[in-house]
Every structure is written in C-alpha cells, then in structure tokens.
Amino acid sequence: MRDLGVRVLDTPTAAMSVYDPALTQTDPRFGEERALSVFDAQFATSVLFNRDERSFNNVFFGSGATSVASNSANYTTEISKLTPTGTQFAVRGIVDYNRNYLNSNLFPSAYDVIYQAEARHPLLRGSGIEFNRIAGPDRIAGNFNGIMLARINTDVALADFEVSVRSFINQVEQQ
C-alpha cells in the first residue's frame, strides 16, 4: 500500500480525481460551459462626451456669431444574441445630444433618439447548426471550440477517470 501512496506523491498531476470531469466541463477555453456561453445574450453600453469651441474669422460662416461653443454626448445601449445557425440579432438604442449657442437655433439643445434592429446571417463559413456545433461560431481559423467537441472532451475525461479507478483497484488487489 505504501507504494501506491508514493506514486501519488511523486506525480500528483497524473493522479485522477472525481473533480477532473467537472474541471474539463468548466474549462474556460475548451469546456462545454464555454462553448454554450458563446450563445448567451450580450449587453453593451457606451457614453461619449465631447466639448468643442470654435472661432470664426467670417461672421457669414458662423451664422452671425464669431465663435461657437458646443457640448455633445452620444449614449448607446445594445443587446445582441447569436443563434446556433450563425445568425446574430441585435437591438440598439442611441441617444444623441447636442447643445450650442448659435443665434440661428430655435432651441439651444437637441436630442435625437434612434432605435435600430439588426439581423446578420453568414452565407458561407459560420453558417448552419452542424458547423457551429462542431467548430463553434468563433470564426477563428484552426480553433475548433464547438459544443460537440467540448462534450467529447468531457466524455474522454469521464472515461479516463473510470480507467484510473479501475487501475487503482487493480493495483490495490495486486498489492
């Protein structure tokens, strides 16, 4: 029995544990959880502020003013989702704000609100359920991270664990 314990202490990474299949499944690079997370909805937002001060040499180009100071802001919010067929849907809201002090303006500030809906579907590479289940929708050449390959890796980890348990029991019987 001491020989078995020394083998584990000599090479601890070679010793299998009950956690190895779970670690394979949740691996952030090649696991099932990573392969499925590509299809999660994504939320993105951004805010951009700008201040601009401009002086004119000609009153005609400045609409009667010799200088203009303006403040502007752009606020964008987006939710996007990738489907297993490769189609990407996005819904976006944009608020554009502008405030300046030109004499020709009726109001000193203006808001523009824009709503957009987008659908993109690849025609060749990255299209179809079978391709995305095997290769994954990441569209990186040589990097296959589909759900099918991730599940195969988990099954291999389970089989390796079962083999290591059977080998350990065999070694105990032999000792």
C-alpha atoms as a PDB file:
ATOM      1  CA  MET A   1       0.000   0.000   0.000  1.00  0.00           C
ATOM      2  CA  ARG A   2       2.906   2.360   0.627  1.00  0.00           C
ATOM      3  CA  ASP A   3       3.991   2.026  -2.997  1.00  0.00           C
ATOM      4  CA  LEU A   4       0.602   3.331  -4.157  1.00  0.00           C
ATOM      5  CA  GLY A   5       0.816   6.391  -1.893  1.00  0.00           C
ATOM      6  CA  VAL A   6       4.339   7.201  -3.052  1.00  0.00           C
ATOM      7  CA  ARG A   7       3.213   7.079  -6.685  1.00  0.00           C
ATOM      8  CA  VAL A   8       0.571   9.721  -5.956  1.00  0.00           C
ATOM      9  CA  LEU A   9       3.096  11.908  -4.139  1.00  0.00           C
ATOM     10  CA  ASP A  10       5.693  11.595  -6.921  1.00  0.00           C
ATOM     11  CA  THR A  11       3.352  12.704  -9.719  1.00  0.00           C
ATOM     12  CA  PRO A  12       0.223  14.373  -8.296  1.00  0.00           C
ATOM     13  CA  THR A  13      -0.886  15.665 -11.706  1.00  0.00           C
ATOM     14  CA  ALA A  14      -1.043  12.103 -13.021  1.00  0.00           C
ATOM     15  CA  ALA A  15      -3.434  11.067 -10.250  1.00  0.00           C
ATOM     16  CA  MET A  16      -7.060  11.289 -11.350  1.00  0.00           C
ATOM     17  CA  SER A  17      -9.738  12.638  -9.037  1.00  0.00           C
ATOM     18  CA  VAL A  18     -13.525  12.886  -9.066  1.00  0.00           C
ATOM     19  CA  TYR A  19     -13.138  16.566  -9.985  1.00  0.00           C
ATOM     20  CA  ASP A  20     -11.351  16.021 -13.306  1.00  0.00           C
ATOM     21  CA  PRO A  21     -14.523  15.560 -15.433  1.00  0.00           C
ATOM     22  CA  ALA A  22     -16.053  18.687 -13.847  1.00  0.00           C
ATOM     23  CA  LEU A  23     -12.848  20.653 -14.468  1.00  0.00           C
ATOM     24  CA  THR A  24     -12.894  19.547 -18.097  1.00  0.00           C
ATOM     25  CA  GLN A  25     -16.535  20.566 -18.443  1.00  0.00           C
ATOM     26  CA  THR A  26     -15.992  24.040 -16.970  1.00  0.00           C
ATOM     27  CA  ASP A  27     -12.652  24.749 -18.669  1.00  0.00           C
ATOM     28  CA  PRO A  28     -12.813  28.398 -19.822  1.00  0.00           C
ATOM     29  CA  ARG A  29     -11.029  27.614 -23.100  1.00  0.00           C
ATOM     30  CA  PHE A  30     -12.335  24.243 -24.280  1.00  0.00           C
ATOM     31  CA  GLY A  31     -15.165  23.215 -21.919  1.00  0.00           C
ATOM     32  CA  GLU A  32     -18.876  22.768 -22.516  1.00  0.00           C
ATOM     33  CA  GLU A  33     -19.746  25.825 -20.451  1.00  0.00           C
ATOM     34  CA  ARG A  34     -17.522  27.982 -22.641  1.00  0.00           C
ATOM     35  CA  ALA A  35     -18.966  26.526 -25.830  1.00  0.00           C
ATOM     36  CA  LEU A  36     -22.509  27.254 -24.650  1.00  0.00           C
ATOM     37  CA  SER A  37     -21.657  30.731 -23.340  1.00  0.00           C
ATOM     38  CA  VAL A  38     -20.940  31.922 -26.881  1.00  0.00           C
ATOM     39  CA  PHE A  39     -24.712  31.818 -27.471  1.00  0.00           C
ATOM     40  CA  ASP A  40     -25.584  33.936 -24.406  1.00  0.00           C
ATOM     41  CA  ALA A  41     -27.112  37.361 -24.902  1.00  0.00           C
ATOM     42  CA  GLN A  42     -24.557  40.176 -24.746  1.00  0.00           C
ATOM     43  CA  PHE A  43     -25.246  43.605 -23.238  1.00  0.00           C
ATOM     44  CA  ALA A  44     -23.083  46.569 -24.232  1.00  0.00           C
ATOM     45  CA  THR A  45     -23.310  50.264 -23.458  1.00  0.00           C
ATOM     46  CA  SER A  46     -21.163  53.305 -24.118  1.00  0.00           C
ATOM     47  CA  VAL A  47     -21.258  57.018 -23.351  1.00  0.00           C
ATOM     48  CA  LEU A  48     -19.154  59.543 -25.256  1.00  0.00           C
ATOM     49  CA  PHE A  49     -18.906  63.227 -24.276  1.00  0.00           C
ATOM     50  CA  ASN A  50     -17.424  65.997 -26.389  1.00  0.00           C
ATOM     51  CA  ARG A  51     -16.861  69.718 -25.938  1.00  0.00           C
ATOM     52  CA  ASP A  52     -15.978  71.877 -28.898  1.00  0.00           C
ATOM     53  CA  GLU A  53     -15.126  75.578 -29.026  1.00  0.00           C
ATOM     54  CA  ARG A  54     -14.713  77.169 -32.398  1.00  0.00           C
ATOM     55  CA  SER A  55     -13.988  80.722 -33.533  1.00  0.00           C
ATOM     56  CA  PHE A  56     -14.889  82.004 -36.983  1.00  0.00           C
ATOM     57  CA  ASN A  57     -12.980  84.588 -38.962  1.00  0.00           C
ATOM     58  CA  ASN A  58     -16.090  85.316 -41.011  1.00  0.00           C
ATOM     59  CA  VAL A  59     -19.487  86.189 -39.488  1.00  0.00           C
ATOM     60  CA  PHE A  60     -21.276  84.687 -42.504  1.00  0.00           C
ATOM     61  CA  PHE A  61     -19.951  81.163 -41.781  1.00  0.00           C
ATOM     62  CA  GLY A  62     -20.786  81.485 -38.079  1.00  0.00           C
ATOM     63  CA  SER A  63     -24.459  82.365 -38.747  1.00  0.00           C
ATOM     64  CA  GLY A  64     -23.971  85.792 -37.237  1.00  0.00           C
ATOM     65  CA  ALA A  65     -21.680  84.658 -34.387  1.00  0.00           C
ATOM     66  CA  THR A  66     -17.898  84.950 -34.202  1.00  0.00           C
ATOM     67  CA  SER A  67     -17.496  81.842 -32.009  1.00  0.00           C
ATOM     68  CA  VAL A  68     -19.480  78.762 -31.064  1.00  0.00           C
ATOM     69  CA  ALA A  69     -19.183  76.501 -28.023  1.00  0.00           C
ATOM     70  CA  SER A  70     -20.995  73.186 -28.187  1.00  0.00           C
ATOM     71  CA  ASN A  71     -21.434  70.205 -25.921  1.00  0.00           C
ATOM     72  CA  SER A  72     -22.412  66.856 -27.331  1.00  0.00           C
ATOM     73  CA  ALA A  73     -22.985  63.379 -25.948  1.00  0.00           C
ATOM     74  CA  ASN A  74     -23.729  60.011 -27.501  1.00  0.00           C
ATOM     75  CA  TYR A  75     -25.246  57.218 -25.392  1.00  0.00           C
ATOM     76  CA  THR A  76     -25.571  53.757 -26.945  1.00  0.00           C
ATOM     77  CA  THR A  77     -27.131  50.634 -25.436  1.00  0.00           C
ATOM     78  CA  GLU A  78     -27.223  47.275 -27.219  1.00  0.00           C
ATOM     79  CA  ILE A  79     -28.375  43.711 -26.627  1.00  0.00           C
ATOM     80  CA  SER A  80     -27.133  41.108 -29.108  1.00  0.00           C
ATOM     81  CA  LYS A  81     -27.656  37.362 -29.378  1.00  0.00           C
ATOM     82  CA  LEU A  82     -26.002  34.723 -31.536  1.00  0.00           C
ATOM     83  CA  THR A  83     -28.145  31.785 -32.613  1.00  0.00           C
ATOM     84  CA  PRO A  84     -26.914  28.226 -33.278  1.00  0.00           C
ATOM     85  CA  THR A  85     -27.474  28.743 -37.020  1.00  0.00           C
ATOM     86  CA  GLY A  86     -24.928  31.593 -37.004  1.00  0.00           C
ATOM     87  CA  THR A  87     -27.439  34.443 -37.223  1.00  0.00           C
ATOM     88  CA  GLN A  88     -26.715  37.395 -34.978  1.00  0.00           C
ATOM     89  CA  PHE A  89     -29.589  39.580 -33.795  1.00  0.00           C
ATOM     90  CA  ALA A  90     -29.082  42.960 -32.170  1.00  0.00           C
ATOM     91  CA  VAL A  91     -31.371  45.652 -30.781  1.00  0.00           C
ATOM     92  CA  ARG A  92     -29.764  49.019 -30.196  1.00  0.00           C
ATOM     93  CA  GLY A  93     -30.852  52.372 -28.790  1.00  0.00           C
ATOM     94  CA  ILE A  94     -28.864  55.545 -29.466  1.00  0.00           C
ATOM     95  CA  VAL A  95     -29.413  58.934 -27.838  1.00  0.00           C
ATOM     96  CA  ASP A  96     -27.538  61.802 -29.463  1.00  0.00           C
ATOM     97  CA  TYR A  97     -27.448  65.113 -27.571  1.00  0.00           C
ATOM     98  CA  ASN A  98     -26.142  68.419 -28.903  1.00  0.00           C
ATOM     99  CA  ARG A  99     -26.114  71.842 -27.224  1.00  0.00           C
ATOM    100  CA  ASN A 100     -24.707  75.001 -28.845  1.00  0.00           C
ATOM    101  CA  TYR A 101     -25.330  78.697 -28.673  1.00  0.00           C
ATOM    102  CA  LEU A 102     -25.809  79.710 -32.281  1.00  0.00           C
ATOM    103  CA  ASN A 103     -28.199  82.600 -32.830  1.00  0.00           C
ATOM    104  CA  SER A 104     -29.970  80.764 -35.629  1.00  0.00           C
ATOM    105  CA  ASN A 105     -31.099  77.862 -33.370  1.00  0.00           C
ATOM    106  CA  LEU A 106     -34.673  77.850 -32.135  1.00  0.00           C
ATOM    107  CA  PHE A 107     -33.697  75.868 -29.026  1.00  0.00           C
ATOM    108  CA  PRO A 108     -30.191  75.691 -27.522  1.00  0.00           C
ATOM    109  CA  SER A 109     -30.176  71.898 -27.229  1.00  0.00           C
ATOM    110  CA  ALA A 110     -31.439  68.998 -29.308  1.00  0.00           C
ATOM    111  CA  TYR A 111     -31.907  65.280 -28.691  1.00  0.00           C
ATOM    112  CA  ASP A 112     -32.072  62.631 -31.359  1.00  0.00           C
ATOM    113  CA  VAL A 113     -33.254  59.155 -30.326  1.00  0.00           C
ATOM    114  CA  ILE A 114     -32.613  56.321 -32.745  1.00  0.00           C
ATOM    115  CA  TYR A 115     -33.701  52.685 -32.390  1.00  0.00           C
ATOM    116  CA  GLN A 116     -32.103  50.029 -34.554  1.00  0.00           C
ATOM    117  CA  ALA A 117     -32.751  46.340 -35.086  1.00  0.00           C
ATOM    118  CA  GLU A 118     -30.165  44.238 -36.879  1.00  0.00           C
ATOM    119  CA  ALA A 119     -30.009  40.688 -38.195  1.00  0.00           C
ATOM    120  CA  ARG A 120     -26.845  39.262 -39.783  1.00  0.00           C
ATOM    121  CA  HIS A 121     -26.508  35.784 -41.193  1.00  0.00           C
ATOM    122  CA  PRO A 122     -23.284  34.386 -42.675  1.00  0.00           C
ATOM    123  CA  LEU A 123     -23.679  32.895 -46.121  1.00  0.00           C
ATOM    124  CA  LEU A 124     -20.655  30.592 -46.193  1.00  0.00           C
ATOM    125  CA  ARG A 125     -18.330  29.900 -43.252  1.00  0.00           C
ATOM    126  CA  GLY A 126     -20.054  30.073 -39.883  1.00  0.00           C
ATOM    127  CA  SER A 127     -23.463  29.212 -41.261  1.00  0.00           C
ATOM    128  CA  GLY A 128     -25.557  26.279 -40.151  1.00  0.00           C
ATOM    129  CA  ILE A 129     -26.218  24.334 -36.991  1.00  0.00           C
ATOM    130  CA  GLU A 130     -23.912  21.429 -37.841  1.00  0.00           C
ATOM    131  CA  PHE A 131     -20.906  23.688 -38.451  1.00  0.00           C
ATOM    132  CA  ASN A 132     -21.485  25.702 -35.264  1.00  0.00           C
ATOM    133  CA  ARG A 133     -21.965  22.563 -33.145  1.00  0.00           C
ATOM    134  CA  ILE A 134     -18.649  21.112 -34.321  1.00  0.00           C
ATOM    135  CA  ALA A 135     -16.352  24.088 -34.997  1.00  0.00           C
ATOM    136  CA  GLY A 136     -18.109  26.773 -32.969  1.00  0.00           C
ATOM    137  CA  PRO A 137     -19.125  30.226 -34.104  1.00  0.00           C
ATOM    138  CA  ASP A 138     -15.879  31.962 -33.027  1.00  0.00           C
ATOM    139  CA  ARG A 139     -14.684  32.171 -36.631  1.00  0.00           C
ATOM    140  CA  ILE A 140     -11.030  31.713 -35.692  1.00  0.00           C
ATOM    141  CA  ALA A 141      -9.143  29.513 -38.148  1.00  0.00           C
ATOM    142  CA  GLY A 142      -7.813  26.297 -36.593  1.00  0.00           C
ATOM    143  CA  ASN A 143      -9.588  26.908 -33.269  1.00  0.00           C
ATOM    144  CA  PHE A 144     -12.474  24.444 -33.042  1.00  0.00           C
ATOM    145  CA  ASN A 145     -14.495  25.000 -29.865  1.00  0.00           C
ATOM    146  CA  GLY A 146     -17.945  23.688 -30.730  1.00  0.00           C
ATOM    147  CA  ILE A 147     -20.269  22.083 -28.213  1.00  0.00           C
ATOM    148  CA  MET A 148     -19.868  18.631 -29.781  1.00  0.00           C
ATOM    149  CA  LEU A 149     -16.081  18.669 -29.341  1.00  0.00           C
ATOM    150  CA  ALA A 150     -16.427  20.018 -25.806  1.00  0.00           C
ATOM    151  CA  ARG A 151     -18.828  17.199 -24.902  1.00  0.00           C
ATOM    152  CA  ILE A 152     -16.448  14.656 -26.402  1.00  0.00           C
ATOM    153  CA  ASN A 153     -13.645  16.093 -24.240  1.00  0.00           C
ATOM    154  CA  THR A 154     -15.870  15.712 -21.162  1.00  0.00           C
ATOM    155  CA  ASP A 155     -16.687  12.122 -22.129  1.00  0.00           C
ATOM    156  CA  VAL A 156     -12.967  11.399 -22.556  1.00  0.00           C
ATOM    157  CA  ALA A 157     -12.290  12.845 -19.086  1.00  0.00           C
ATOM    158  CA  LEU A 158     -15.030  10.618 -17.619  1.00  0.00           C
ATOM    159  CA  ALA A 159     -13.596   7.551 -19.367  1.00  0.00           C
ATOM    160  CA  ASP A 160     -10.082   8.427 -18.147  1.00  0.00           C
ATOM    161  CA  PHE A 161     -11.395   8.726 -14.596  1.00  0.00           C
ATOM    162  CA  GLU A 162     -13.135   5.339 -14.836  1.00  0.00           C
ATOM    163  CA  VAL A 163      -9.937   3.757 -16.196  1.00  0.00           C
ATOM    164  CA  SER A 164      -7.882   5.285 -13.372  1.00  0.00           C
ATOM    165  CA  VAL A 165     -10.336   3.972 -10.743  1.00  0.00           C
ATOM    166  CA  ARG A 166     -10.223   0.512 -12.312  1.00  0.00           C
ATOM    167  CA  SER A 167      -6.404   0.640 -12.439  1.00  0.00           C
ATOM    168  CA  PHE A 168      -6.223   1.800  -8.820  1.00  0.00           C
ATOM    169  CA  ILE A 169      -8.482  -1.074  -7.677  1.00  0.00           C
ATOM    170  CA  ASN A 170      -6.350  -3.492  -9.707  1.00  0.00           C
ATOM    171  CA  GLN A 171      -3.157  -2.146  -8.104  1.00  0.00           C
ATOM    172  CA  VAL A 172      -4.705  -2.457  -4.621  1.00  0.00           C
ATOM    173  CA  GLU A 173      -5.637  -6.073  -5.341  1.00  0.00           C
ATOM    174  CA  GLN A 174      -2.147  -6.754  -6.685  1.00  0.00           C
ATOM    175  CA  GLN A 175      -0.521  -5.313  -3.548  1.00  0.00           C
END
